[in-house]
Amino acid sequence: MKPTKLLSTVLIALLLIGTSCQKDDGPSMNDGEQQENVPDNFSEYFGNNVFKNFLGTVIDDDEEPIEGVTITIGNETATTDSNGVFIINNATVKERFGYIKAEKEGYIHGSRAVVPSNGTNKVTIMLLETSITGTISSGNAETVTSDDGSSVSFDGNFVKEDGTEYTGSVDVIMHHLDPADEDMPMQMPGMLYAQNEAGAERMLQTLGMLAVEL
């Protein structure tokens, strides 16, 4: 019996604190915007709620448009048309952080994070197909290796989304996101933004990622 849903998509990333990153389609935070006055909560860096407009395109890894993708920004949703295009107006986001989710069966869930600008914010999301890399069984420690040599080890302990134990077989879907690939910024969920040990905001540089979905 195959699981219908287990844990949400896992993104394994090797990150290095730095002063530069690959640019998002939308405006990105730069060194001049990094704040040294550390707030009580990291989310305070994002500012107040604002209403922004978004125009986007969802494509596959052959750069072909994907129709019927559900797009969510804040409480607003839309569906891509035959050209892979979506429009969402007056979405509630933060002054310095907008989060866009893209979901369609047959593809790994995608997302993008941008710093909203005035006018219409344009974004492109590339979804990766859910091709199965390997199948493992619960209760057994196993390692799944993709064709490019990337591997992930599992201890065999799996839980469902409701937190209860799962027993049975597990399909593992893996994609290596290569930082040298010019398409990576469209494939990568979120953005390269974090806080250091002191709580101050920093941009990051990726050394590579694995998108893993069970």
Protein backbone atom coordinates (compact mmCIF):
# COMPACT_ATOMS: atom_id res chain seq x y z
CA MET A 1 0.00 0.00 0.00
CA LYS A 2 1.43 3.35 -1.02
CA PRO A 3 0.93 6.43 1.18
CA THR A 4 -1.22 9.17 -0.24
CA LYS A 5 0.33 11.83 1.96
CA LEU A 6 3.20 11.78 4.37
CA LEU A 7 5.31 14.70 5.47
CA SER A 8 5.29 17.84 3.36
CA THR A 9 8.09 18.47 0.88
CA VAL A 10 11.49 18.53 2.53
CA LEU A 11 14.17 20.84 1.22
CA ILE A 12 17.71 19.94 2.18
CA ALA A 13 20.00 22.90 1.61
CA LEU A 14 23.67 23.60 2.10
CA LEU A 15 23.85 27.27 2.91
CA LEU A 16 26.71 29.64 3.58
CA ILE A 17 26.30 33.05 5.17
CA GLY A 18 27.44 35.55 2.59
CA THR A 19 26.81 38.93 1.09
CA SER A 20 25.31 37.90 -2.22
CA CYS A 21 22.80 35.49 -3.68
CA GLN A 22 21.18 34.61 -6.96
CA LYS A 23 18.51 37.19 -7.61
CA ASP A 24 14.84 36.45 -7.37
CA ASP A 25 12.52 37.65 -10.11
CA GLY A 26 11.26 40.24 -7.65
CA PRO A 27 13.40 42.75 -5.77
CA SER A 28 15.80 41.13 -3.33
CA MET A 29 17.21 42.37 -0.06
CA ASN A 30 20.71 43.69 -0.41
CA ASP A 31 23.52 44.38 2.03
CA GLY A 32 22.41 47.94 2.56
CA GLU A 33 19.05 46.72 3.80
CA GLN A 34 20.47 44.34 6.40
CA GLN A 35 19.64 45.69 9.82
CA GLU A 36 21.88 45.49 12.83
CA ASN A 37 19.19 46.69 15.25
CA VAL A 38 17.83 43.27 16.13
CA PRO A 39 14.07 43.19 16.86
CA ASP A 40 12.47 40.94 19.47
CA ASN A 41 10.94 38.78 16.74
CA PHE A 42 12.60 38.03 13.40
CA SER A 43 9.28 38.54 11.60
CA GLU A 44 9.45 42.24 12.53
CA TYR A 45 12.03 42.61 9.74
CA PHE A 46 9.20 42.00 7.26
CA GLY A 47 7.27 45.15 8.15
CA ASN A 48 3.54 45.80 8.17
CA ASN A 49 0.77 44.24 6.10
CA VAL A 50 0.30 45.81 2.66
CA PHE A 51 -1.77 45.02 -0.43
CA LYS A 52 0.15 44.16 -3.60
CA ASN A 53 -0.58 42.95 -7.14
CA PHE A 54 1.08 39.89 -8.70
CA LEU A 55 1.42 38.62 -12.25
CA GLY A 56 3.16 35.31 -12.69
CA THR A 57 3.91 32.36 -14.93
CA VAL A 58 4.33 28.72 -13.95
CA ILE A 59 6.43 26.52 -16.25
CA ASP A 60 7.95 23.03 -16.25
CA ASP A 61 11.65 22.24 -16.62
CA ASP A 62 11.28 22.38 -20.41
CA GLU A 63 9.97 25.95 -19.94
CA GLU A 64 6.52 24.91 -21.14
CA PRO A 65 3.52 26.54 -19.39
CA ILE A 66 1.58 24.50 -16.84
CA GLU A 67 -2.18 24.96 -16.76
CA GLY A 68 -4.32 24.37 -13.68
CA VAL A 69 -1.75 25.21 -11.01
CA THR A 70 -3.26 26.52 -7.77
CA ILE A 71 -1.54 29.72 -6.67
CA THR A 72 -1.87 31.05 -3.13
CA ILE A 73 -0.68 34.43 -1.85
CA GLY A 74 -1.92 35.27 1.62
CA ASN A 75 -5.65 34.56 1.62
CA GLU A 76 -5.98 35.00 -2.15
CA THR A 77 -5.94 32.14 -4.66
CA ALA A 78 -5.91 31.82 -8.44
CA THR A 79 -5.42 29.13 -11.08
CA THR A 80 -3.02 29.32 -14.01
CA ASP A 81 -4.55 29.47 -17.49
CA SER A 82 -3.48 27.61 -20.65
CA ASN A 83 -0.44 29.89 -20.87
CA GLY A 84 0.57 29.13 -17.29
CA VAL A 85 -0.30 32.69 -16.28
CA PHE A 86 -1.94 33.83 -13.05
CA ILE A 87 -3.03 37.24 -11.75
CA ILE A 88 -3.72 38.05 -8.11
CA ASN A 89 -4.51 41.61 -7.10
CA ASN A 90 -4.67 43.13 -3.63
CA ALA A 91 -2.98 40.18 -1.95
CA THR A 92 -2.04 40.75 1.69
CA VAL A 93 1.73 40.48 2.14
CA LYS A 94 4.38 42.13 4.27
CA GLU A 95 6.25 45.25 3.19
CA ARG A 96 9.44 43.24 2.76
CA PHE A 97 8.15 39.69 2.34
CA GLY A 98 5.62 38.09 0.02
CA TYR A 99 5.20 34.31 -0.15
CA ILE A 100 3.76 32.59 -3.22
CA LYS A 101 2.76 28.90 -3.25
CA ALA A 102 2.20 26.85 -6.42
CA GLU A 103 0.61 23.40 -6.26
CA LYS A 104 -0.54 20.84 -8.81
CA GLU A 105 -0.77 17.06 -8.64
CA GLY A 106 2.13 15.45 -10.45
CA TYR A 107 4.59 18.16 -9.45
CA ILE A 108 6.61 18.90 -6.33
CA HIS A 109 5.01 21.78 -4.50
CA GLY A 110 6.71 25.02 -5.46
CA SER A 111 7.00 28.38 -3.77
CA ARG A 112 8.73 31.72 -4.14
CA ALA A 113 9.45 34.52 -1.73
CA VAL A 114 9.91 38.09 -2.93
CA VAL A 115 10.28 41.56 -1.54
CA PRO A 116 7.15 43.26 -2.95
CA SER A 117 7.59 46.43 -4.96
CA ASN A 118 5.18 49.11 -6.09
CA GLY A 119 3.11 48.30 -9.15
CA THR A 120 2.72 44.74 -10.40
CA ASN A 121 5.15 42.16 -9.04
CA LYS A 122 6.21 39.68 -11.73
CA VAL A 123 7.39 36.19 -10.85
CA THR A 124 8.17 32.93 -12.64
CA ILE A 125 7.96 29.56 -10.90
CA MET A 126 9.37 26.35 -12.38
CA LEU A 127 7.73 23.17 -11.06
CA LEU A 128 9.53 19.83 -11.08
CA GLU A 129 7.71 16.61 -11.90
CA THR A 130 7.21 14.01 -9.17
CA SER A 131 9.20 11.23 -10.81
CA ILE A 132 9.94 8.47 -8.28
CA THR A 133 13.64 8.04 -7.47
CA GLY A 134 13.20 4.98 -5.24
CA THR A 135 10.77 3.10 -3.00
CA ILE A 136 11.60 2.09 0.55
CA SER A 137 9.76 0.38 3.40
CA SER A 138 8.92 1.73 6.82
CA GLY A 139 10.79 0.12 9.70
CA ASN A 140 14.00 -0.27 7.68
CA ALA A 141 16.93 2.13 7.51
CA GLU A 142 17.61 2.71 3.80
CA THR A 143 19.41 5.16 1.52
CA VAL A 144 17.99 6.45 -1.76
CA THR A 145 20.46 7.63 -4.41
CA SER A 146 19.58 9.59 -7.53
CA ASP A 147 21.27 9.28 -10.93
CA ASP A 148 23.49 12.31 -10.22
CA GLY A 149 24.89 10.66 -7.07
CA SER A 150 22.89 12.68 -4.53
CA SER A 151 21.59 10.54 -1.69
CA VAL A 152 19.36 10.74 1.36
CA SER A 153 19.33 8.25 4.25
CA PHE A 154 16.11 7.41 6.10
CA ASP A 155 15.86 5.74 9.50
CA GLY A 156 12.60 4.00 8.59
CA ASN A 157 10.42 5.89 11.05
CA PHE A 158 7.65 7.62 9.12
CA VAL A 159 4.59 9.51 10.32
CA LYS A 160 1.47 10.72 8.56
CA GLU A 161 0.46 14.39 8.42
CA ASP A 162 -1.70 13.87 11.52
CA GLY A 163 1.34 12.65 13.47
CA THR A 164 0.38 8.97 13.64
CA GLU A 165 2.79 6.21 12.65
CA TYR A 166 2.87 5.11 9.03
CA THR A 167 3.66 1.53 8.02
CA GLY A 168 4.11 0.36 4.45
CA SER A 169 6.07 1.40 1.40
CA VAL A 170 7.20 4.97 0.75
CA ASP A 171 7.90 6.48 -2.67
CA VAL A 172 10.80 8.94 -2.55
CA ILE A 173 10.98 11.77 -5.10
CA MET A 174 14.28 13.64 -5.30
CA HIS A 175 15.60 16.49 -7.42
CA HIS A 176 19.06 18.02 -7.12
CA LEU A 177 18.99 21.80 -7.44
CA ASP A 178 22.35 22.81 -8.85
CA PRO A 179 23.44 26.41 -8.03
CA ALA A 180 25.27 26.48 -11.38
CA ASP A 181 21.98 25.90 -13.22
CA GLU A 182 20.52 29.17 -14.48
CA ASP A 183 17.03 27.76 -13.84
CA MET A 184 17.66 27.19 -10.14
CA PRO A 185 16.25 30.56 -8.97
CA MET A 186 12.91 29.58 -10.56
CA GLN A 187 12.99 26.10 -8.98
CA MET A 188 14.13 27.03 -5.50
CA PRO A 189 11.41 27.53 -2.89
CA GLY A 190 11.53 30.60 -0.68
CA MET A 191 14.59 32.81 -0.86
CA LEU A 192 18.10 32.91 0.52
CA TYR A 193 17.34 34.95 3.62
CA ALA A 194 17.95 34.09 7.26
CA GLN A 195 19.19 35.32 10.61
CA ASN A 196 22.57 34.80 12.23
CA GLU A 197 23.16 33.66 15.81
CA ALA A 198 22.72 37.24 17.01
CA GLY A 199 19.30 37.44 15.36
CA ALA A 200 20.39 39.91 12.65
CA GLU A 201 19.16 39.41 9.08
CA ARG A 202 21.59 38.07 6.49
CA MET A 203 21.49 37.04 2.85
CA LEU A 204 22.77 33.55 2.06
CA GLN A 205 24.55 31.79 -0.77
CA THR A 206 23.57 28.24 -1.63
CA LEU A 207 26.05 25.45 -2.31
CA GLY A 208 23.28 23.20 -3.62
CA MET A 209 19.93 21.78 -2.53
CA LEU A 210 17.88 18.62 -2.69
CA ALA A 211 14.13 18.81 -3.08
CA VAL A 212 12.73 15.67 -1.45
CA GLU A 213 9.09 14.64 -1.32
CA LEU A 214 7.66 11.47 0.21
